[in-house]
Amino acid sequence: MSDTAGNAATEVIRTVTVADTTAPVITLLGGGTQEVEPQKSLP
């Protein structure tokens, strides 16, 4: 690869790692605690 003046470009390979360090925020809407027994329908 070269520019318009014919100068050759030096090939460079870079690896970028993005680390998500922000914990998710979970907001419950409605009433407080709900308990659901196994094999039962949700209210």
PDB file of N, CA and C in Angstrom:
ATOM      1  N   MET A   1       0.846  -1.156   0.000  1.00  0.00           N
ATOM      2  CA  MET A   1       0.000   0.000   0.000  1.00  0.00           C
ATOM      3  C   MET A   1       0.896   1.225   0.000  1.00  0.00           C
ATOM      4  N   SER A   2       0.462   2.268  -0.703  1.00  0.00           N
ATOM      5  CA  SER A   2       1.247   3.496  -0.742  1.00  0.00           C
ATOM      6  C   SER A   2       0.325   4.703  -0.823  1.00  0.00           C
ATOM      7  N   ASP A   3       0.918   5.879  -0.548  1.00  0.00           N
ATOM      8  CA  ASP A   3       0.126   7.103  -0.639  1.00  0.00           C
ATOM      9  C   ASP A   3       0.209   7.668  -2.053  1.00  0.00           C
ATOM     10  N   THR A   4      -0.365   8.846  -2.273  1.00  0.00           N
ATOM     11  CA  THR A   4      -0.401   9.422  -3.620  1.00  0.00           C
ATOM     12  C   THR A   4       0.975   9.829  -4.125  1.00  0.00           C
ATOM     13  N   ALA A   5       1.959   9.990  -3.223  1.00  0.00           N
ATOM     14  CA  ALA A   5       3.323  10.330  -3.625  1.00  0.00           C
ATOM     15  C   ALA A   5       4.159   9.087  -3.891  1.00  0.00           C
ATOM     16  N   GLY A   6       3.574   7.894  -3.721  1.00  0.00           N
ATOM     17  CA  GLY A   6       4.299   6.653  -3.958  1.00  0.00           C
ATOM     18  C   GLY A   6       5.072   6.142  -2.762  1.00  0.00           C
ATOM     19  N   ASN A   7       4.920   6.760  -1.608  1.00  0.00           N
ATOM     20  CA  ASN A   7       5.608   6.307  -0.397  1.00  0.00           C
ATOM     21  C   ASN A   7       4.933   5.044   0.124  1.00  0.00           C
ATOM     22  N   ALA A   8       5.744   4.014   0.335  1.00  0.00           N
ATOM     23  CA  ALA A   8       5.204   2.744   0.824  1.00  0.00           C
ATOM     24  C   ALA A   8       4.832   2.857   2.300  1.00  0.00           C
ATOM     25  N   ALA A   9       3.769   2.175   2.657  1.00  0.00           N
ATOM     26  CA  ALA A   9       3.329   2.161   4.049  1.00  0.00           C
ATOM     27  C   ALA A   9       3.895   0.932   4.744  1.00  0.00           C
ATOM     28  N   THR A  10       4.226   1.087   6.015  1.00  0.00           N
ATOM     29  CA  THR A  10       4.690  -0.031   6.818  1.00  0.00           C
ATOM     30  C   THR A  10       3.471  -0.715   7.421  1.00  0.00           C
ATOM     31  N   GLU A  11       3.372  -2.039   7.228  1.00  0.00           N
ATOM     32  CA  GLU A  11       2.224  -2.774   7.765  1.00  0.00           C
ATOM     33  C   GLU A  11       2.336  -2.880   9.273  1.00  0.00           C
ATOM     34  N   VAL A  12       1.248  -2.580   9.953  1.00  0.00           N
ATOM     35  CA  VAL A  12       1.187  -2.657  11.405  1.00  0.00           C
ATOM     36  C   VAL A  12      -0.078  -3.412  11.775  1.00  0.00           C
ATOM     37  N   ILE A  13       0.050  -4.363  12.682  1.00  0.00           N
ATOM     38  CA  ILE A  13      -1.105  -5.109  13.180  1.00  0.00           C
ATOM     39  C   ILE A  13      -1.240  -4.805  14.661  1.00  0.00           C
ATOM     40  N   ARG A  14      -2.435  -4.393  15.054  1.00  0.00           N
ATOM     41  CA  ARG A  14      -2.682  -4.081  16.461  1.00  0.00           C
ATOM     42  C   ARG A  14      -3.881  -4.875  16.934  1.00  0.00           C
ATOM     43  N   THR A  15      -3.823  -5.327  18.171  1.00  0.00           N
ATOM     44  CA  THR A  15      -4.948  -6.017  18.794  1.00  0.00           C
ATOM     45  C   THR A  15      -5.491  -5.122  19.895  1.00  0.00           C
ATOM     46  N   VAL A  16      -6.793  -4.869  19.852  1.00  0.00           N
ATOM     47  CA  VAL A  16      -7.440  -4.028  20.857  1.00  0.00           C
ATOM     48  C   VAL A  16      -8.398  -4.899  21.651  1.00  0.00           C
ATOM     49  N   THR A  17      -8.234  -4.922  22.962  1.00  0.00           N
ATOM     50  CA  THR A  17      -9.114  -5.682  23.839  1.00  0.00           C
ATOM     51  C   THR A  17      -9.937  -4.694  24.661  1.00  0.00           C
ATOM     52  N   VAL A  18     -11.256  -4.818  24.572  1.00  0.00           N
ATOM     53  CA  VAL A  18     -12.147  -3.944  25.332  1.00  0.00           C
ATOM     54  C   VAL A  18     -12.669  -4.734  26.521  1.00  0.00           C
ATOM     55  N   ALA A  19     -12.410  -4.245  27.719  1.00  0.00           N
ATOM     56  CA  ALA A  19     -12.861  -4.917  28.938  1.00  0.00           C
ATOM     57  C   ALA A  19     -13.973  -4.092  29.578  1.00  0.00           C
ATOM     58  N   ASP A  20     -15.137  -4.690  29.712  1.00  0.00           N
ATOM     59  CA  ASP A  20     -16.270  -4.022  30.354  1.00  0.00           C
ATOM     60  C   ASP A  20     -16.136  -4.229  31.857  1.00  0.00           C
ATOM     61  N   THR A  21     -15.858  -3.150  32.569  1.00  0.00           N
ATOM     62  CA  THR A  21     -15.656  -3.254  34.017  1.00  0.00           C
ATOM     63  C   THR A  21     -16.820  -2.660  34.806  1.00  0.00           C
ATOM     64  N   THR A  22     -17.866  -2.225  34.107  1.00  0.00           N
ATOM     65  CA  THR A  22     -19.026  -1.642  34.775  1.00  0.00           C
ATOM     66  C   THR A  22     -20.079  -2.717  35.006  1.00  0.00           C
ATOM     67  N   ALA A  23     -20.422  -2.937  36.257  1.00  0.00           N
ATOM     68  CA  ALA A  23     -21.437  -3.946  36.579  1.00  0.00           C
ATOM     69  C   ALA A  23     -22.811  -3.458  36.135  1.00  0.00           C
ATOM     70  N   PRO A  24     -23.688  -4.376  35.727  1.00  0.00           N
ATOM     71  CA  PRO A  24     -25.036  -3.961  35.332  1.00  0.00           C
ATOM     72  C   PRO A  24     -25.851  -3.523  36.546  1.00  0.00           C
ATOM     73  N   VAL A  25     -26.827  -2.663  36.295  1.00  0.00           N
ATOM     74  CA  VAL A  25     -27.740  -2.212  37.341  1.00  0.00           C
ATOM     75  C   VAL A  25     -29.097  -2.832  37.053  1.00  0.00           C
ATOM     76  N   ILE A  26     -29.622  -3.589  38.006  1.00  0.00           N
ATOM     77  CA  ILE A  26     -30.916  -4.245  37.853  1.00  0.00           C
ATOM     78  C   ILE A  26     -31.912  -3.529  38.751  1.00  0.00           C
ATOM     79  N   THR A  27     -33.000  -3.053  38.149  1.00  0.00           N
ATOM     80  CA  THR A  27     -34.033  -2.335  38.886  1.00  0.00           C
ATOM     81  C   THR A  27     -35.324  -3.132  38.826  1.00  0.00           C
ATOM     82  N   LEU A  28     -35.875  -3.458  39.987  1.00  0.00           N
ATOM     83  CA  LEU A  28     -37.135  -4.185  40.047  1.00  0.00           C
ATOM     84  C   LEU A  28     -38.276  -3.189  40.145  1.00  0.00           C
ATOM     85  N   LEU A  29     -39.271  -3.363  39.294  1.00  0.00           N
ATOM     86  CA  LEU A  29     -40.445  -2.504  39.314  1.00  0.00           C
ATOM     87  C   LEU A  29     -41.584  -3.256  39.978  1.00  0.00           C
ATOM     88  N   GLY A  30     -42.442  -2.558  40.677  1.00  0.00           N
ATOM     89  CA  GLY A  30     -43.582  -3.207  41.308  1.00  0.00           C
ATOM     90  C   GLY A  30     -43.303  -3.504  42.761  1.00  0.00           C
ATOM     91  N   GLY A  31     -43.991  -4.547  43.262  1.00  0.00           N
ATOM     92  CA  GLY A  31     -43.881  -4.919  44.666  1.00  0.00           C
ATOM     93  C   GLY A  31     -42.505  -5.442  45.024  1.00  0.00           C
ATOM     94  N   GLY A  32     -42.365  -5.768  46.291  1.00  0.00           N
ATOM     95  CA  GLY A  32     -41.089  -6.262  46.791  1.00  0.00           C
ATOM     96  C   GLY A  32     -40.790  -7.672  46.320  1.00  0.00           C
ATOM     97  N   THR A  33     -40.716  -8.596  47.256  1.00  0.00           N
ATOM     98  CA  THR A  33     -40.330  -9.969  46.971  1.00  0.00           C
ATOM     99  C   THR A  33     -41.515 -10.799  46.507  1.00  0.00           C
ATOM    100  N   GLN A  34     -41.281 -11.645  45.513  1.00  0.00           N
ATOM    101  CA  GLN A  34     -42.286 -12.609  45.076  1.00  0.00           C
ATOM    102  C   GLN A  34     -41.653 -13.987  45.138  1.00  0.00           C
ATOM    103  N   GLU A  35     -42.371 -14.945  45.686  1.00  0.00           N
ATOM    104  CA  GLU A  35     -41.878 -16.309  45.743  1.00  0.00           C
ATOM    105  C   GLU A  35     -42.704 -17.162  44.799  1.00  0.00           C
ATOM    106  N   VAL A  36     -42.030 -17.974  43.999  1.00  0.00           N
ATOM    107  CA  VAL A  36     -42.704 -18.860  43.051  1.00  0.00           C
ATOM    108  C   VAL A  36     -42.211 -20.270  43.327  1.00  0.00           C
ATOM    109  N   GLU A  37     -43.139 -21.174  43.574  1.00  0.00           N
ATOM    110  CA  GLU A  37     -42.780 -22.561  43.830  1.00  0.00           C
ATOM    111  C   GLU A  37     -42.456 -23.257  42.511  1.00  0.00           C
ATOM    112  N   PRO A  38     -41.581 -24.264  42.551  1.00  0.00           N
ATOM    113  CA  PRO A  38     -41.262 -25.010  41.334  1.00  0.00           C
ATOM    114  C   PRO A  38     -42.524 -25.606  40.716  1.00  0.00           C
ATOM    115  N   GLN A  39     -42.579 -25.614  39.396  1.00  0.00           N
ATOM    116  CA  GLN A  39     -43.684 -26.178  38.616  1.00  0.00           C
ATOM    117  C   GLN A  39     -44.982 -25.390  38.749  1.00  0.00           C
ATOM    118  N   LYS A  40     -44.934 -24.167  39.264  1.00  0.00           N
ATOM    119  CA  LYS A  40     -46.125 -23.327  39.401  1.00  0.00           C
ATOM    120  C   LYS A  40     -46.048 -22.189  38.389  1.00  0.00           C
ATOM    121  N   SER A  41     -47.197 -21.627  38.034  1.00  0.00           N
ATOM    122  CA  SER A  41     -47.251 -20.495  37.109  1.00  0.00           C
ATOM    123  C   SER A  41     -46.853 -19.209  37.821  1.00  0.00           C
ATOM    124  N   LEU A  42     -46.315 -18.286  37.054  1.00  0.00           N
ATOM    125  CA  LEU A  42     -45.990 -16.977  37.612  1.00  0.00           C
ATOM    126  C   LEU A  42     -47.267 -16.186  37.818  1.00  0.00           C
ATOM    127  N   PRO A  43     -47.296 -15.320  38.834  1.00  0.00           N
ATOM    128  CA  PRO A  43     -48.512 -14.511  39.083  1.00  0.00           C
ATOM    129  C   PRO A  43     -48.723 -13.483  37.978  1.00  0.00           C
TER     130      PRO A  43
END
